[in-house]
Amino acid sequence: MIATDSFNVFGRRIASTVGCPYAVIAVTPNPIRQLEPEAIRARVAAMLPAIVEGLTLPPAEILLRTKDQVRLEIRPSGIVRSSTPV
């Protein structure tokens, strides 16, 4: 998944509701709407490692690398209700 930093937690929660809480998310700073093509290319280049890892890493390795982050994003500390238990 590719998202701006404003939407990565939302994307994680939506992914968890369809059974994919450990999806790899390539994140770029928001906003991107009015960036010049060169700035977009630089952001894409910065996200490429995450995109390649998401497409090539075994699921067990993705789980290991994202387990703690996923727990914080889906069930934040102090929030009684959340989308899906992890």
PDB file of N, CA and C in Angstrom:
ATOM      1  N   MET A   1       0.852  -1.156   0.000  1.00  0.00           N
ATOM      2  CA  MET A   1       0.000   0.000   0.000  1.00  0.00           C
ATOM      3  C   MET A   1       0.904   1.227   0.000  1.00  0.00           C
ATOM      4  N   ILE A   2       0.465   2.260  -0.679  1.00  0.00           N
ATOM      5  CA  ILE A   2       1.180   3.534  -0.692  1.00  0.00           C
ATOM      6  C   ILE A   2       0.238   4.584  -0.118  1.00  0.00           C
ATOM      7  N   ALA A   3       0.749   5.381   0.832  1.00  0.00           N
ATOM      8  CA  ALA A   3      -0.090   6.397   1.470  1.00  0.00           C
ATOM      9  C   ALA A   3       0.769   7.565   1.928  1.00  0.00           C
ATOM     10  N   THR A   4       0.124   8.704   2.109  1.00  0.00           N
ATOM     11  CA  THR A   4       0.831   9.816   2.730  1.00  0.00           C
ATOM     12  C   THR A   4       0.785   9.615   4.243  1.00  0.00           C
ATOM     13  N   ASP A   5       1.649  10.342   4.940  1.00  0.00           N
ATOM     14  CA  ASP A   5       1.718  10.161   6.394  1.00  0.00           C
ATOM     15  C   ASP A   5       0.414  10.532   7.093  1.00  0.00           C
ATOM     16  N   SER A   6      -0.440  11.290   6.430  1.00  0.00           N
ATOM     17  CA  SER A   6      -1.742  11.628   7.018  1.00  0.00           C
ATOM     18  C   SER A   6      -2.719  10.459   6.997  1.00  0.00           C
ATOM     19  N   PHE A   7      -2.469   9.491   6.123  1.00  0.00           N
ATOM     20  CA  PHE A   7      -3.437   8.415   5.934  1.00  0.00           C
ATOM     21  C   PHE A   7      -2.897   7.015   6.214  1.00  0.00           C
ATOM     22  N   ASN A   8      -1.639   6.887   6.630  1.00  0.00           N
ATOM     23  CA  ASN A   8      -1.099   5.537   6.802  1.00  0.00           C
ATOM     24  C   ASN A   8      -1.777   4.762   7.926  1.00  0.00           C
ATOM     25  N   VAL A   9      -2.123   5.412   9.032  1.00  0.00           N
ATOM     26  CA  VAL A   9      -2.805   4.702  10.119  1.00  0.00           C
ATOM     27  C   VAL A   9      -4.212   4.306   9.677  1.00  0.00           C
ATOM     28  N   PHE A  10      -4.890   5.186   8.980  1.00  0.00           N
ATOM     29  CA  PHE A  10      -6.219   4.850   8.445  1.00  0.00           C
ATOM     30  C   PHE A  10      -6.119   3.660   7.496  1.00  0.00           C
ATOM     31  N   GLY A  11      -5.124   3.677   6.628  1.00  0.00           N
ATOM     32  CA  GLY A  11      -4.923   2.563   5.707  1.00  0.00           C
ATOM     33  C   GLY A  11      -4.661   1.258   6.437  1.00  0.00           C
ATOM     34  N   ARG A  12      -3.868   1.318   7.492  1.00  0.00           N
ATOM     35  CA  ARG A  12      -3.577   0.124   8.291  1.00  0.00           C
ATOM     36  C   ARG A  12      -4.860  -0.416   8.916  1.00  0.00           C
ATOM     37  N   ARG A  13      -5.678   0.468   9.451  1.00  0.00           N
ATOM     38  CA  ARG A  13      -6.924   0.022  10.089  1.00  0.00           C
ATOM     39  C   ARG A  13      -7.895  -0.568   9.079  1.00  0.00           C
ATOM     40  N   ILE A  14      -7.992   0.038   7.918  1.00  0.00           N
ATOM     41  CA  ILE A  14      -8.861  -0.507   6.875  1.00  0.00           C
ATOM     42  C   ILE A  14      -8.325  -1.862   6.419  1.00  0.00           C
ATOM     43  N   ALA A  15      -7.022  -1.974   6.224  1.00  0.00           N
ATOM     44  CA  ALA A  15      -6.425  -3.257   5.826  1.00  0.00           C
ATOM     45  C   ALA A  15      -6.714  -4.327   6.873  1.00  0.00           C
ATOM     46  N   SER A  16      -6.697  -3.948   8.147  1.00  0.00           N
ATOM     47  CA  SER A  16      -6.949  -4.936   9.200  1.00  0.00           C
ATOM     48  C   SER A  16      -8.388  -5.441   9.173  1.00  0.00           C
ATOM     49  N   THR A  17      -9.314  -4.592   8.736  1.00  0.00           N
ATOM     50  CA  THR A  17     -10.715  -5.029   8.697  1.00  0.00           C
ATOM     51  C   THR A  17     -10.967  -6.066   7.613  1.00  0.00           C
ATOM     52  N   VAL A  18     -10.065  -6.154   6.634  1.00  0.00           N
ATOM     53  CA  VAL A  18     -10.205  -7.171   5.584  1.00  0.00           C
ATOM     54  C   VAL A  18      -9.167  -8.282   5.748  1.00  0.00           C
ATOM     55  N   GLY A  19      -8.583  -8.363   6.951  1.00  0.00           N
ATOM     56  CA  GLY A  19      -7.685  -9.466   7.264  1.00  0.00           C
ATOM     57  C   GLY A  19      -6.237  -9.280   6.873  1.00  0.00           C
ATOM     58  N   CYS A  20      -5.819  -8.052   6.611  1.00  0.00           N
ATOM     59  CA  CYS A  20      -4.428  -7.798   6.208  1.00  0.00           C
ATOM     60  C   CYS A  20      -3.765  -6.752   7.101  1.00  0.00           C
ATOM     61  N   PRO A  21      -3.743  -6.940   8.414  1.00  0.00           N
ATOM     62  CA  PRO A  21      -3.180  -5.907   9.287  1.00  0.00           C
ATOM     63  C   PRO A  21      -1.685  -5.698   9.093  1.00  0.00           C
ATOM     64  N   TYR A  22      -1.001  -6.688   8.556  1.00  0.00           N
ATOM     65  CA  TYR A  22       0.449  -6.591   8.424  1.00  0.00           C
ATOM     66  C   TYR A  22       0.892  -6.175   7.024  1.00  0.00           C
ATOM     67  N   ALA A  23       0.008  -5.575   6.258  1.00  0.00           N
ATOM     68  CA  ALA A  23       0.375  -5.090   4.928  1.00  0.00           C
ATOM     69  C   ALA A  23       1.507  -4.072   5.061  1.00  0.00           C
ATOM     70  N   VAL A  24       2.443  -4.127   4.152  1.00  0.00           N
ATOM     71  CA  VAL A  24       3.536  -3.152   4.138  1.00  0.00           C
ATOM     72  C   VAL A  24       2.995  -1.865   3.535  1.00  0.00           C
ATOM     73  N   ILE A  25       3.260  -0.745   4.220  1.00  0.00           N
ATOM     74  CA  ILE A  25       2.793   0.549   3.737  1.00  0.00           C
ATOM     75  C   ILE A  25       4.002   1.429   3.449  1.00  0.00           C
ATOM     76  N   ALA A  26       4.110   1.864   2.205  1.00  0.00           N
ATOM     77  CA  ALA A  26       5.140   2.833   1.818  1.00  0.00           C
ATOM     78  C   ALA A  26       4.548   4.215   2.063  1.00  0.00           C
ATOM     79  N   VAL A  27       5.229   5.002   2.897  1.00  0.00           N
ATOM     80  CA  VAL A  27       4.675   6.284   3.340  1.00  0.00           C
ATOM     81  C   VAL A  27       5.516   7.438   2.804  1.00  0.00           C
ATOM     82  N   THR A  28       4.828   8.487   2.374  1.00  0.00           N
ATOM     83  CA  THR A  28       5.481   9.722   1.955  1.00  0.00           C
ATOM     84  C   THR A  28       4.819  10.887   2.672  1.00  0.00           C
ATOM     85  N   PRO A  29       5.550  11.975   2.890  1.00  0.00           N
ATOM     86  CA  PRO A  29       4.940  13.121   3.568  1.00  0.00           C
ATOM     87  C   PRO A  29       3.791  13.731   2.764  1.00  0.00           C
ATOM     88  N   ASN A  30       2.825  14.233   3.481  1.00  0.00           N
ATOM     89  CA  ASN A  30       1.704  14.944   2.893  1.00  0.00           C
ATOM     90  C   ASN A  30       2.053  16.431   2.892  1.00  0.00           C
ATOM     91  N   PRO A  31       1.638  17.191   1.951  1.00  0.00           N
ATOM     92  CA  PRO A  31       0.823  16.916   0.779  1.00  0.00           C
ATOM     93  C   PRO A  31       1.681  16.548  -0.435  1.00  0.00           C
ATOM     94  N   ILE A  32       1.028  15.961  -1.414  1.00  0.00           N
ATOM     95  CA  ILE A  32       1.719  15.649  -2.664  1.00  0.00           C
ATOM     96  C   ILE A  32       1.032  16.313  -3.854  1.00  0.00           C
ATOM     97  N   ARG A  33      -0.083  16.908  -3.595  1.00  0.00           N
ATOM     98  CA  ARG A  33      -0.937  17.429  -4.664  1.00  0.00           C
ATOM     99  C   ARG A  33      -0.241  18.417  -5.594  1.00  0.00           C
ATOM    100  N   GLN A  34       0.523  19.352  -5.083  1.00  0.00           N
ATOM    101  CA  GLN A  34       1.083  20.399  -5.931  1.00  0.00           C
ATOM    102  C   GLN A  34       2.590  20.280  -6.112  1.00  0.00           C
ATOM    103  N   LEU A  35       3.112  19.088  -5.935  1.00  0.00           N
ATOM    104  CA  LEU A  35       4.555  18.902  -6.110  1.00  0.00           C
ATOM    105  C   LEU A  35       4.933  18.876  -7.589  1.00  0.00           C
ATOM    106  N   GLU A  36       6.125  19.340  -7.854  1.00  0.00           N
ATOM    107  CA  GLU A  36       6.679  19.271  -9.203  1.00  0.00           C
ATOM    108  C   GLU A  36       7.081  17.820  -9.496  1.00  0.00           C
ATOM    109  N   PRO A  37       7.157  17.449 -10.767  1.00  0.00           N
ATOM    110  CA  PRO A  37       7.521  16.071 -11.121  1.00  0.00           C
ATOM    111  C   PRO A  37       8.829  15.593 -10.489  1.00  0.00           C
ATOM    112  N   GLU A  38       9.810  16.447 -10.393  1.00  0.00           N
ATOM    113  CA  GLU A  38      11.092  16.042  -9.786  1.00  0.00           C
ATOM    114  C   GLU A  38      10.927  15.698  -8.305  1.00  0.00           C
ATOM    115  N   ALA A  39      10.111  16.468  -7.612  1.00  0.00           N
ATOM    116  CA  ALA A  39       9.862  16.196  -6.192  1.00  0.00           C
ATOM    117  C   ALA A  39       9.113  14.875  -6.032  1.00  0.00           C
ATOM    118  N   ILE A  40       8.173  14.608  -6.925  1.00  0.00           N
ATOM    119  CA  ILE A  40       7.445  13.327  -6.888  1.00  0.00           C
ATOM    120  C   ILE A  40       8.422  12.179  -7.119  1.00  0.00           C
ATOM    121  N   ARG A  41       9.314  12.327  -8.097  1.00  0.00           N
ATOM    122  CA  ARG A  41      10.299  11.270  -8.376  1.00  0.00           C
ATOM    123  C   ARG A  41      11.177  10.998  -7.155  1.00  0.00           C
ATOM    124  N   ALA A  42      11.570  12.051  -6.460  1.00  0.00           N
ATOM    125  CA  ALA A  42      12.398  11.882  -5.260  1.00  0.00           C
ATOM    126  C   ALA A  42      11.630  11.125  -4.178  1.00  0.00           C
ATOM    127  N   ARG A  43      10.362  11.421  -4.031  1.00  0.00           N
ATOM    128  CA  ARG A  43       9.558  10.718  -3.021  1.00  0.00           C
ATOM    129  C   ARG A  43       9.355   9.258  -3.397  1.00  0.00           C
ATOM    130  N   VAL A  44       9.124   9.003  -4.675  1.00  0.00           N
ATOM    131  CA  VAL A  44       8.971   7.620  -5.128  1.00  0.00           C
ATOM    132  C   VAL A  44      10.266   6.858  -4.871  1.00  0.00           C
ATOM    133  N   ALA A  45      11.399   7.469  -5.170  1.00  0.00           N
ATOM    134  CA  ALA A  45      12.692   6.820  -4.933  1.00  0.00           C
ATOM    135  C   ALA A  45      12.871   6.495  -3.451  1.00  0.00           C
ATOM    136  N   ALA A  46      12.416   7.387  -2.579  1.00  0.00           N
ATOM    137  CA  ALA A  46      12.528   7.141  -1.140  1.00  0.00           C
ATOM    138  C   ALA A  46      11.629   5.997  -0.683  1.00  0.00           C
ATOM    139  N   MET A  47      10.501   5.787  -1.378  1.00  0.00           N
ATOM    140  CA  MET A  47       9.570   4.724  -1.003  1.00  0.00           C
ATOM    141  C   MET A  47       9.908   3.377  -1.634  1.00  0.00           C
ATOM    142  N   LEU A  48      10.763   3.348  -2.637  1.00  0.00           N
ATOM    143  CA  LEU A  48      11.054   2.108  -3.352  1.00  0.00           C
ATOM    144  C   LEU A  48      11.491   0.948  -2.458  1.00  0.00           C
ATOM    145  N   PRO A  49      12.367   1.164  -1.466  1.00  0.00           N
ATOM    146  CA  PRO A  49      12.728   0.027  -0.617  1.00  0.00           C
ATOM    147  C   PRO A  49      11.523  -0.620   0.076  1.00  0.00           C
ATOM    148  N   ALA A  50      10.602   0.190   0.580  1.00  0.00           N
ATOM    149  CA  ALA A  50       9.413  -0.364   1.237  1.00  0.00           C
ATOM    150  C   ALA A  50       8.526  -1.095   0.238  1.00  0.00           C
ATOM    151  N   ILE A  51       8.424  -0.567  -0.970  1.00  0.00           N
ATOM    152  CA  ILE A  51       7.604  -1.219  -2.000  1.00  0.00           C
ATOM    153  C   ILE A  51       8.205  -2.570  -2.373  1.00  0.00           C
ATOM    154  N   VAL A  52       9.510  -2.602  -2.589  1.00  0.00           N
ATOM    155  CA  VAL A  52      10.178  -3.857  -2.951  1.00  0.00           C
ATOM    156  C   VAL A  52      10.064  -4.874  -1.821  1.00  0.00           C
ATOM    157  N   GLU A  53      10.271  -4.434  -0.575  1.00  0.00           N
ATOM    158  CA  GLU A  53      10.133  -5.348   0.564  1.00  0.00           C
ATOM    159  C   GLU A  53       8.714  -5.908   0.637  1.00  0.00           C
ATOM    160  N   GLY A  54       7.722  -5.063   0.446  1.00  0.00           N
ATOM    161  CA  GLY A  54       6.338  -5.520   0.512  1.00  0.00           C
ATOM    162  C   GLY A  54       6.004  -6.555  -0.547  1.00  0.00           C
ATOM    163  N   LEU A  55       6.690  -6.466  -1.675  1.00  0.00           N
ATOM    164  CA  LEU A  55       6.428  -7.406  -2.760  1.00  0.00           C
ATOM    165  C   LEU A  55       7.286  -8.663  -2.709  1.00  0.00           C
ATOM    166  N   THR A  56       8.388  -8.618  -1.971  1.00  0.00           N
ATOM    167  CA  THR A  56       9.326  -9.742  -2.026  1.00  0.00           C
ATOM    168  C   THR A  56       9.579 -10.460  -0.709  1.00  0.00           C
ATOM    169  N   LEU A  57       9.346  -9.821   0.421  1.00  0.00           N
ATOM    170  CA  LEU A  57       9.627 -10.472   1.702  1.00  0.00           C
ATOM    171  C   LEU A  57       8.609 -11.573   1.998  1.00  0.00           C
ATOM    172  N   PRO A  58       9.052 -12.649   2.637  1.00  0.00           N
ATOM    173  CA  PRO A  58       8.101 -13.682   3.066  1.00  0.00           C
ATOM    174  C   PRO A  58       7.161 -13.106   4.134  1.00  0.00           C
ATOM    175  N   PRO A  59       5.927 -13.574   4.182  1.00  0.00           N
ATOM    176  CA  PRO A  59       4.970 -13.064   5.166  1.00  0.00           C
ATOM    177  C   PRO A  59       5.479 -13.121   6.614  1.00  0.00           C
ATOM    178  N   ALA A  60       6.208 -14.165   6.957  1.00  0.00           N
ATOM    179  CA  ALA A  60       6.719 -14.280   8.330  1.00  0.00           C
ATOM    180  C   ALA A  60       7.682 -13.143   8.660  1.00  0.00           C
ATOM    181  N   GLU A  61       8.499 -12.734   7.711  1.00  0.00           N
ATOM    182  CA  GLU A  61       9.439 -11.636   7.925  1.00  0.00           C
ATOM    183  C   GLU A  61       8.699 -10.306   8.038  1.00  0.00           C
ATOM    184  N   ILE A  62       7.679 -10.104   7.231  1.00  0.00           N
ATOM    185  CA  ILE A  62       6.870  -8.883   7.317  1.00  0.00           C
ATOM    186  C   ILE A  62       6.201  -8.805   8.681  1.00  0.00           C
ATOM    187  N   LEU A  63       5.650  -9.913   9.141  1.00  0.00           N
ATOM    188  CA  LEU A  63       5.023  -9.962  10.462  1.00  0.00           C
ATOM    189  C   LEU A  63       6.020  -9.575  11.545  1.00  0.00           C
ATOM    190  N   LEU A  64       7.204 -10.140  11.493  1.00  0.00           N
ATOM    191  CA  LEU A  64       8.231  -9.848  12.483  1.00  0.00           C
ATOM    192  C   LEU A  64       8.609  -8.373  12.493  1.00  0.00           C
ATOM    193  N   ARG A  65       8.751  -7.797  11.317  1.00  0.00           N
ATOM    194  CA  ARG A  65       9.187  -6.404  11.214  1.00  0.00           C
ATOM    195  C   ARG A  65       8.103  -5.397  11.592  1.00  0.00           C
ATOM    196  N   THR A  66       6.844  -5.761  11.440  1.00  0.00           N
ATOM    197  CA  THR A  66       5.775  -4.775  11.636  1.00  0.00           C
ATOM    198  C   THR A  66       4.884  -5.036  12.841  1.00  0.00           C
ATOM    199  N   LYS A  67       5.118  -6.123  13.559  1.00  0.00           N
ATOM    200  CA  LYS A  67       4.213  -6.525  14.645  1.00  0.00           C
ATOM    201  C   LYS A  67       3.967  -5.412  15.667  1.00  0.00           C
ATOM    202  N   ASP A  68       5.023  -4.796  16.179  1.00  0.00           N
ATOM    203  CA  ASP A  68       4.853  -3.766  17.209  1.00  0.00           C
ATOM    204  C   ASP A  68       4.180  -2.512  16.649  1.00  0.00           C
ATOM    205  N   GLN A  69       4.576  -2.114  15.454  1.00  0.00           N
ATOM    206  CA  GLN A  69       3.992  -0.941  14.824  1.00  0.00           C
ATOM    207  C   GLN A  69       2.502  -1.153  14.572  1.00  0.00           C
ATOM    208  N   VAL A  70       2.144  -2.334  14.099  1.00  0.00           N
ATOM    209  CA  VAL A  70       0.746  -2.643  13.817  1.00  0.00           C
ATOM    210  C   VAL A  70      -0.078  -2.586  15.101  1.00  0.00           C
ATOM    211  N   ARG A  71       0.444  -3.140  16.154  1.00  0.00           N
ATOM    212  CA  ARG A  71      -0.281  -3.127  17.427  1.00  0.00           C
ATOM    213  C   ARG A  71      -0.574  -1.695  17.874  1.00  0.00           C
ATOM    214  N   LEU A  72       0.401  -0.815  17.723  1.00  0.00           N
ATOM    215  CA  LEU A  72       0.205   0.581  18.122  1.00  0.00           C
ATOM    216  C   LEU A  72      -0.782   1.309  17.220  1.00  0.00           C
ATOM    217  N   GLU A  73      -0.758   1.010  15.938  1.00  0.00           N
ATOM    218  CA  GLU A  73      -1.622   1.723  14.998  1.00  0.00           C
ATOM    219  C   GLU A  73      -3.061   1.225  15.023  1.00  0.00           C
ATOM    220  N   ILE A  74      -3.259  -0.065  15.274  1.00  0.00           N
ATOM    221  CA  ILE A  74      -4.618  -0.601  15.260  1.00  0.00           C
ATOM    222  C   ILE A  74      -5.264  -0.510  16.631  1.00  0.00           C
ATOM    223  N   ARG A  75      -4.504  -0.739  17.664  1.00  0.00           N
ATOM    224  CA  ARG A  75      -5.026  -0.640  19.030  1.00  0.00           C
ATOM    225  C   ARG A  75      -4.161   0.331  19.825  1.00  0.00           C
ATOM    226  N   PRO A  76      -4.329   1.638  19.570  1.00  0.00           N
ATOM    227  CA  PRO A  76      -3.505   2.621  20.275  1.00  0.00           C
ATOM    228  C   PRO A  76      -3.748   2.598  21.780  1.00  0.00           C
ATOM    229  N   SER A  77      -2.710   2.855  22.539  1.00  0.00           N
ATOM    230  CA  SER A  77      -2.809   2.893  23.996  1.00  0.00           C
ATOM    231  C   SER A  77      -3.822   3.944  24.424  1.00  0.00           C
ATOM    232  N   GLY A  78      -4.712   3.571  25.333  1.00  0.00           N
ATOM    233  CA  GLY A  78      -5.703   4.492  25.866  1.00  0.00           C
ATOM    234  C   GLY A  78      -6.991   4.560  25.084  1.00  0.00           C
ATOM    235  N   ILE A  79      -7.059   3.895  23.945  1.00  0.00           N
ATOM    236  CA  ILE A  79      -8.281   3.880  23.139  1.00  0.00           C
ATOM    237  C   ILE A  79      -9.049   2.613  23.473  1.00  0.00           C
ATOM    238  N   VAL A  80     -10.281   2.752  23.907  1.00  0.00           N
ATOM    239  CA  VAL A  80     -11.071   1.609  24.319  1.00  0.00           C
ATOM    240  C   VAL A  80     -11.527   0.806  23.118  1.00  0.00           C
ATOM    241  N   ARG A  81     -12.026   1.468  22.082  1.00  0.00           N
ATOM    242  CA  ARG A  81     -12.493   0.777  20.890  1.00  0.00           C
ATOM    243  C   ARG A  81     -11.503   0.955  19.758  1.00  0.00           C
ATOM    244  N   SER A  82     -11.378  -0.057  18.981  1.00  0.00           N
ATOM    245  CA  SER A  82     -10.537   0.017  17.806  1.00  0.00           C
ATOM    246  C   SER A  82     -11.126  -0.897  16.754  1.00  0.00           C
ATOM    247  N   SER A  83     -10.575  -0.875  15.549  1.00  0.00           N
ATOM    248  CA  SER A  83     -11.190  -1.605  14.447  1.00  0.00           C
ATOM    249  C   SER A  83     -11.124  -3.117  14.587  1.00  0.00           C
ATOM    250  N   THR A  84      -9.954  -3.666  14.753  1.00  0.00           N
ATOM    251  CA  THR A  84      -9.797  -5.109  14.760  1.00  0.00           C
ATOM    252  C   THR A  84      -8.715  -5.485  15.771  1.00  0.00           C
ATOM    253  N   PRO A  85      -8.950  -6.471  16.618  1.00  0.00           N
ATOM    254  CA  PRO A  85      -7.892  -6.892  17.531  1.00  0.00           C
ATOM    255  C   PRO A  85      -6.731  -7.528  16.780  1.00  0.00           C
ATOM    256  N   VAL A  86      -5.535  -7.289  17.272  1.00  0.00           N
ATOM    257  CA  VAL A  86      -4.329  -7.871  16.660  1.00  0.00           C
ATOM    258  C   VAL A  86      -3.717  -8.831  17.641  1.00  0.00           C
TER     259      VAL A  86
END
